[in-house]
């Protein structure tokens, strides 16, 4: 790996880890649903910026409802549950539980 890749990886890790700390701080103040909404909205805005920079045309071809349902299942519900957990768990526990998601998914498959 070159130094730029290492920097990108460490930056992503720092942003991802800090998100649990910020959820722990903000979830008790504004509630779990608004916290999850803002977290998913910021992620969607970032993805739209990346799509714009890459000049990728995207068309749902009549499957917008299905895509929205998948978005709720894959992003909305987990973000809401993490926001609910952030009200009572320390930020470190939330990040550890999130890190175990791939191994738990492998058990289900």
N, C-alpha and C. Protein backbone atom coordinates (compact mmCIF):
# COMPACT_ATOMS: atom_id res chain seq x y z
N UNK A 1 0.84 -1.18 0.00
CA UNK A 1 0.00 0.00 0.00
C UNK A 1 0.88 1.24 0.00
N UNK A 2 0.48 2.20 -0.78
CA UNK A 2 1.25 3.44 -0.79
C UNK A 2 0.76 4.37 0.34
N UNK A 3 1.50 5.40 0.67
CA UNK A 3 1.12 6.27 1.79
C UNK A 3 -0.23 6.96 1.63
N UNK A 4 -0.61 7.26 0.40
CA UNK A 4 -1.92 7.89 0.19
C UNK A 4 -3.05 6.94 0.58
N UNK A 5 -2.92 5.67 0.21
CA UNK A 5 -3.93 4.68 0.58
C UNK A 5 -4.00 4.49 2.09
N UNK A 6 -2.87 4.47 2.74
CA UNK A 6 -2.84 4.34 4.20
C UNK A 6 -3.51 5.55 4.85
N UNK A 7 -3.22 6.74 4.33
CA UNK A 7 -3.86 7.95 4.86
C UNK A 7 -5.37 7.89 4.68
N UNK A 8 -5.84 7.46 3.51
CA UNK A 8 -7.29 7.35 3.27
C UNK A 8 -7.92 6.34 4.22
N UNK A 9 -7.26 5.22 4.42
CA UNK A 9 -7.79 4.19 5.30
C UNK A 9 -7.87 4.68 6.74
N UNK A 10 -6.82 5.34 7.20
CA UNK A 10 -6.83 5.88 8.57
C UNK A 10 -7.85 6.99 8.73
N UNK A 11 -8.02 7.81 7.71
CA UNK A 11 -9.04 8.87 7.77
C UNK A 11 -10.44 8.28 7.85
N UNK A 12 -10.69 7.27 7.04
CA UNK A 12 -12.00 6.61 7.07
C UNK A 12 -12.25 5.97 8.42
N UNK A 13 -11.24 5.33 8.98
CA UNK A 13 -11.38 4.71 10.30
C UNK A 13 -11.66 5.75 11.37
N UNK A 14 -11.01 6.90 11.29
CA UNK A 14 -11.23 7.96 12.27
C UNK A 14 -12.64 8.53 12.16
N UNK A 15 -13.10 8.74 10.93
CA UNK A 15 -14.46 9.26 10.74
C UNK A 15 -15.48 8.25 11.23
N UNK A 16 -15.29 6.98 10.88
CA UNK A 16 -16.24 5.94 11.27
C UNK A 16 -16.28 5.79 12.79
N UNK A 17 -15.13 5.77 13.43
CA UNK A 17 -15.09 5.65 14.88
C UNK A 17 -15.68 6.85 15.58
N UNK A 18 -15.44 8.04 15.05
CA UNK A 18 -15.98 9.25 15.66
C UNK A 18 -17.50 9.32 15.53
N UNK A 19 -18.05 8.66 14.53
CA UNK A 19 -19.51 8.72 14.36
C UNK A 19 -20.23 8.09 15.55
N UNK A 20 -19.64 7.08 16.16
CA UNK A 20 -20.27 6.47 17.33
C UNK A 20 -20.19 7.39 18.54
N UNK A 21 -19.10 8.11 18.67
CA UNK A 21 -18.97 9.08 19.75
C UNK A 21 -20.00 10.19 19.58
N UNK A 22 -20.14 10.71 18.37
CA UNK A 22 -21.11 11.76 18.13
C UNK A 22 -22.54 11.27 18.33
N UNK A 23 -22.82 10.01 17.95
CA UNK A 23 -24.16 9.45 18.19
C UNK A 23 -24.43 9.37 19.69
N UNK A 24 -23.42 8.99 20.45
CA UNK A 24 -23.58 8.88 21.91
C UNK A 24 -23.88 10.24 22.52
N UNK A 25 -23.32 11.29 21.96
CA UNK A 25 -23.54 12.63 22.47
C UNK A 25 -24.88 13.19 22.03
N UNK A 26 -25.24 13.00 20.76
CA UNK A 26 -26.41 13.68 20.22
C UNK A 26 -27.72 12.90 20.39
N UNK A 27 -27.66 11.57 20.45
CA UNK A 27 -28.89 10.78 20.54
C UNK A 27 -29.73 11.11 21.77
N UNK A 28 -29.14 11.27 22.96
CA UNK A 28 -29.98 11.65 24.10
C UNK A 28 -30.58 13.05 23.98
N UNK A 29 -29.95 13.91 23.18
CA UNK A 29 -30.42 15.29 23.07
C UNK A 29 -31.59 15.41 22.09
N UNK A 30 -31.43 14.87 20.87
CA UNK A 30 -32.48 15.05 19.86
C UNK A 30 -33.31 13.80 19.63
N UNK A 31 -32.92 12.67 20.17
CA UNK A 31 -33.68 11.44 20.00
C UNK A 31 -33.05 10.51 18.98
N UNK A 32 -33.51 9.29 18.98
CA UNK A 32 -32.88 8.28 18.13
C UNK A 32 -33.30 8.40 16.66
N UNK A 33 -34.55 8.70 16.39
CA UNK A 33 -35.00 8.79 15.00
C UNK A 33 -34.34 9.96 14.27
N UNK A 34 -34.33 11.18 14.83
CA UNK A 34 -33.63 12.26 14.13
C UNK A 34 -32.13 12.00 13.98
N UNK A 35 -31.51 11.38 14.97
CA UNK A 35 -30.09 11.05 14.87
C UNK A 35 -29.84 10.09 13.70
N UNK A 36 -30.66 9.06 13.59
CA UNK A 36 -30.52 8.10 12.50
C UNK A 36 -30.79 8.79 11.16
N UNK A 37 -31.80 9.65 11.11
CA UNK A 37 -32.13 10.35 9.88
C UNK A 37 -30.95 11.20 9.41
N UNK A 38 -30.35 11.97 10.32
CA UNK A 38 -29.24 12.83 9.93
C UNK A 38 -28.01 12.00 9.54
N UNK A 39 -27.79 10.90 10.22
CA UNK A 39 -26.63 10.06 9.88
C UNK A 39 -26.78 9.47 8.48
N UNK A 40 -27.97 8.96 8.16
CA UNK A 40 -28.21 8.38 6.84
C UNK A 40 -28.24 9.48 5.78
N UNK A 41 -28.77 10.65 6.11
CA UNK A 41 -28.82 11.75 5.15
C UNK A 41 -27.42 12.24 4.79
N UNK A 42 -26.54 12.34 5.78
CA UNK A 42 -25.16 12.75 5.50
C UNK A 42 -24.47 11.72 4.61
N UNK A 43 -24.71 10.44 4.88
CA UNK A 43 -24.12 9.39 4.04
C UNK A 43 -24.66 9.46 2.61
N UNK A 44 -25.96 9.70 2.47
CA UNK A 44 -26.55 9.81 1.13
C UNK A 44 -25.99 11.01 0.38
N UNK A 45 -25.82 12.12 1.08
CA UNK A 45 -25.25 13.30 0.44
C UNK A 45 -23.82 13.02 -0.02
N UNK A 46 -23.05 12.33 0.80
CA UNK A 46 -21.69 11.97 0.41
C UNK A 46 -21.66 11.08 -0.81
N UNK A 47 -22.57 10.11 -0.86
CA UNK A 47 -22.62 9.23 -2.02
C UNK A 47 -23.04 9.99 -3.28
N UNK A 48 -23.95 10.94 -3.13
CA UNK A 48 -24.35 11.75 -4.29
C UNK A 48 -23.20 12.59 -4.81
N UNK A 49 -22.38 13.11 -3.90
CA UNK A 49 -21.20 13.87 -4.31
C UNK A 49 -20.24 12.96 -5.08
N UNK A 50 -20.02 11.76 -4.58
CA UNK A 50 -19.13 10.81 -5.26
C UNK A 50 -19.68 10.46 -6.65
N UNK A 51 -21.00 10.23 -6.74
CA UNK A 51 -21.60 9.94 -8.04
C UNK A 51 -21.42 11.11 -9.00
N UNK A 52 -21.58 12.33 -8.48
CA UNK A 52 -21.39 13.50 -9.32
C UNK A 52 -19.96 13.66 -9.79
N UNK A 53 -19.01 13.42 -8.90
CA UNK A 53 -17.60 13.55 -9.28
C UNK A 53 -17.19 12.48 -10.29
N UNK A 54 -17.78 11.30 -10.18
CA UNK A 54 -17.44 10.22 -11.10
C UNK A 54 -18.25 10.29 -12.39
N UNK A 55 -19.21 11.19 -12.44
CA UNK A 55 -20.07 11.39 -13.61
C UNK A 55 -20.77 10.10 -14.03
N UNK A 56 -21.30 9.41 -13.04
CA UNK A 56 -22.04 8.17 -13.30
C UNK A 56 -23.52 8.52 -13.43
N UNK A 57 -24.12 8.09 -14.53
CA UNK A 57 -25.57 8.30 -14.67
C UNK A 57 -26.28 7.12 -14.02
N UNK A 58 -27.29 7.44 -13.24
CA UNK A 58 -28.00 6.37 -12.56
C UNK A 58 -29.49 6.54 -12.81
N UNK A 59 -30.09 5.41 -13.11
CA UNK A 59 -31.52 5.38 -13.41
C UNK A 59 -32.10 4.16 -12.71
N UNK A 60 -33.20 4.37 -12.03
CA UNK A 60 -33.81 3.26 -11.28
C UNK A 60 -34.68 2.37 -12.15
N UNK A 61 -35.02 2.83 -13.33
CA UNK A 61 -35.81 2.05 -14.29
C UNK A 61 -37.08 1.47 -13.66
N UNK A 62 -37.81 2.31 -12.97
CA UNK A 62 -39.08 1.90 -12.39
C UNK A 62 -38.96 1.11 -11.10
N UNK A 63 -37.78 1.04 -10.51
CA UNK A 63 -37.58 0.26 -9.30
C UNK A 63 -37.26 1.13 -8.10
N UNK A 64 -37.73 2.38 -8.12
CA UNK A 64 -37.44 3.30 -7.04
C UNK A 64 -38.01 2.81 -5.71
N UNK A 65 -39.21 2.25 -5.72
CA UNK A 65 -39.81 1.75 -4.47
C UNK A 65 -38.98 0.61 -3.88
N UNK A 66 -38.50 -0.27 -4.72
CA UNK A 66 -37.67 -1.37 -4.24
C UNK A 66 -36.35 -0.86 -3.69
N UNK A 67 -35.75 0.11 -4.37
CA UNK A 67 -34.50 0.68 -3.90
C UNK A 67 -34.70 1.39 -2.56
N UNK A 68 -35.80 2.12 -2.44
CA UNK A 68 -36.09 2.81 -1.18
C UNK A 68 -36.32 1.80 -0.04
N UNK A 69 -37.01 0.71 -0.31
CA UNK A 69 -37.22 -0.33 0.69
C UNK A 69 -35.89 -0.94 1.13
N UNK A 70 -35.03 -1.23 0.17
CA UNK A 70 -33.70 -1.76 0.51
C UNK A 70 -32.90 -0.76 1.32
N UNK A 71 -33.03 0.52 1.00
CA UNK A 71 -32.34 1.55 1.77
C UNK A 71 -32.81 1.60 3.21
N UNK A 72 -34.12 1.46 3.40
CA UNK A 72 -34.66 1.45 4.77
C UNK A 72 -34.16 0.23 5.53
N UNK A 73 -34.17 -0.92 4.88
CA UNK A 73 -33.75 -2.16 5.55
C UNK A 73 -32.25 -2.16 5.82
N UNK A 74 -31.45 -1.74 4.85
CA UNK A 74 -29.99 -1.82 4.99
C UNK A 74 -29.36 -0.64 5.71
N UNK A 75 -29.99 0.51 5.70
CA UNK A 75 -29.39 1.69 6.31
C UNK A 75 -30.26 2.30 7.40
N UNK A 76 -31.53 2.47 7.12
CA UNK A 76 -32.42 3.16 8.06
C UNK A 76 -32.64 2.42 9.37
N UNK A 77 -32.99 1.17 9.29
CA UNK A 77 -33.26 0.39 10.51
C UNK A 77 -32.00 0.20 11.35
N UNK A 78 -30.86 -0.22 10.76
CA UNK A 78 -29.66 -0.34 11.59
C UNK A 78 -29.23 0.99 12.22
N UNK A 79 -29.31 2.08 11.47
CA UNK A 79 -28.92 3.38 12.04
C UNK A 79 -29.84 3.77 13.19
N UNK A 80 -31.12 3.46 13.06
CA UNK A 80 -32.06 3.75 14.13
C UNK A 80 -31.76 2.90 15.37
N UNK A 81 -31.48 1.63 15.16
CA UNK A 81 -31.19 0.76 16.30
C UNK A 81 -29.88 1.15 16.99
N UNK A 82 -28.87 1.56 16.20
CA UNK A 82 -27.64 2.04 16.81
C UNK A 82 -27.87 3.34 17.57
N UNK A 83 -28.77 4.18 17.08
CA UNK A 83 -29.08 5.43 17.78
C UNK A 83 -29.82 5.15 19.09
N UNK A 84 -30.69 4.15 19.08
CA UNK A 84 -31.38 3.76 20.31
C UNK A 84 -30.37 3.22 21.31
N UNK A 85 -29.47 2.37 20.84
CA UNK A 85 -28.45 1.79 21.72
C UNK A 85 -27.50 2.87 22.23
N UNK A 86 -27.25 3.91 21.44
CA UNK A 86 -26.32 4.97 21.84
C UNK A 86 -26.82 5.75 23.04
N UNK A 87 -28.10 5.65 23.31
CA UNK A 87 -28.65 6.37 24.46
C UNK A 87 -28.27 5.70 25.78
N UNK A 88 -27.92 4.41 25.74
CA UNK A 88 -27.61 3.71 26.99
C UNK A 88 -26.23 3.07 27.01
N UNK A 89 -25.66 2.76 25.86
CA UNK A 89 -24.35 2.10 25.80
C UNK A 89 -23.24 3.12 25.58
N UNK A 90 -22.04 2.84 26.10
CA UNK A 90 -20.89 3.68 25.76
C UNK A 90 -20.56 3.57 24.27
N UNK A 91 -19.91 4.59 23.73
CA UNK A 91 -19.60 4.62 22.30
C UNK A 91 -18.70 3.46 21.90
N UNK A 92 -17.81 3.04 22.77
CA UNK A 92 -16.91 1.92 22.46
C UNK A 92 -17.67 0.63 22.23
N UNK A 93 -18.68 0.37 23.06
CA UNK A 93 -19.48 -0.84 22.88
C UNK A 93 -20.22 -0.81 21.55
N UNK A 94 -20.76 0.34 21.19
CA UNK A 94 -21.48 0.44 19.93
C UNK A 94 -20.57 0.15 18.75
N UNK A 95 -19.36 0.67 18.78
CA UNK A 95 -18.44 0.42 17.67
C UNK A 95 -18.00 -1.04 17.64
N UNK A 96 -17.84 -1.67 18.79
CA UNK A 96 -17.48 -3.09 18.82
C UNK A 96 -18.62 -3.94 18.26
N UNK A 97 -19.85 -3.63 18.65
CA UNK A 97 -20.99 -4.38 18.10
C UNK A 97 -21.10 -4.20 16.60
N UNK A 98 -20.82 -2.99 16.12
CA UNK A 98 -20.86 -2.75 14.69
C UNK A 98 -19.75 -3.53 13.98
N UNK A 99 -18.60 -3.65 14.59
CA UNK A 99 -17.49 -4.38 13.98
C UNK A 99 -17.77 -5.87 13.88
N UNK A 100 -18.65 -6.39 14.73
CA UNK A 100 -18.97 -7.81 14.67
C UNK A 100 -20.07 -8.13 13.66
N UNK A 101 -20.58 -7.13 12.97
CA UNK A 101 -21.65 -7.35 12.01
C UNK A 101 -21.27 -8.34 10.91
N UNK A 102 -20.09 -8.26 10.29
CA UNK A 102 -19.77 -9.25 9.25
C UNK A 102 -19.75 -10.68 9.75
N UNK A 103 -19.21 -10.90 10.96
CA UNK A 103 -19.18 -12.28 11.46
C UNK A 103 -20.58 -12.78 11.79
N UNK A 104 -21.44 -11.92 12.31
CA UNK A 104 -22.82 -12.34 12.57
C UNK A 104 -23.57 -12.58 11.27
N UNK A 105 -23.29 -11.80 10.25
CA UNK A 105 -23.92 -12.02 8.95
C UNK A 105 -23.48 -13.35 8.35
N UNK A 106 -22.22 -13.69 8.54
CA UNK A 106 -21.72 -14.97 8.02
C UNK A 106 -22.41 -16.15 8.71
N UNK A 107 -22.76 -15.98 9.98
CA UNK A 107 -23.47 -17.05 10.68
C UNK A 107 -24.88 -17.26 10.13
N UNK A 108 -25.50 -16.18 9.66
CA UNK A 108 -26.86 -16.28 9.13
C UNK A 108 -26.88 -16.88 7.73
N UNK A 109 -25.79 -16.72 7.00
CA UNK A 109 -25.76 -17.19 5.61
C UNK A 109 -25.36 -18.59 5.56
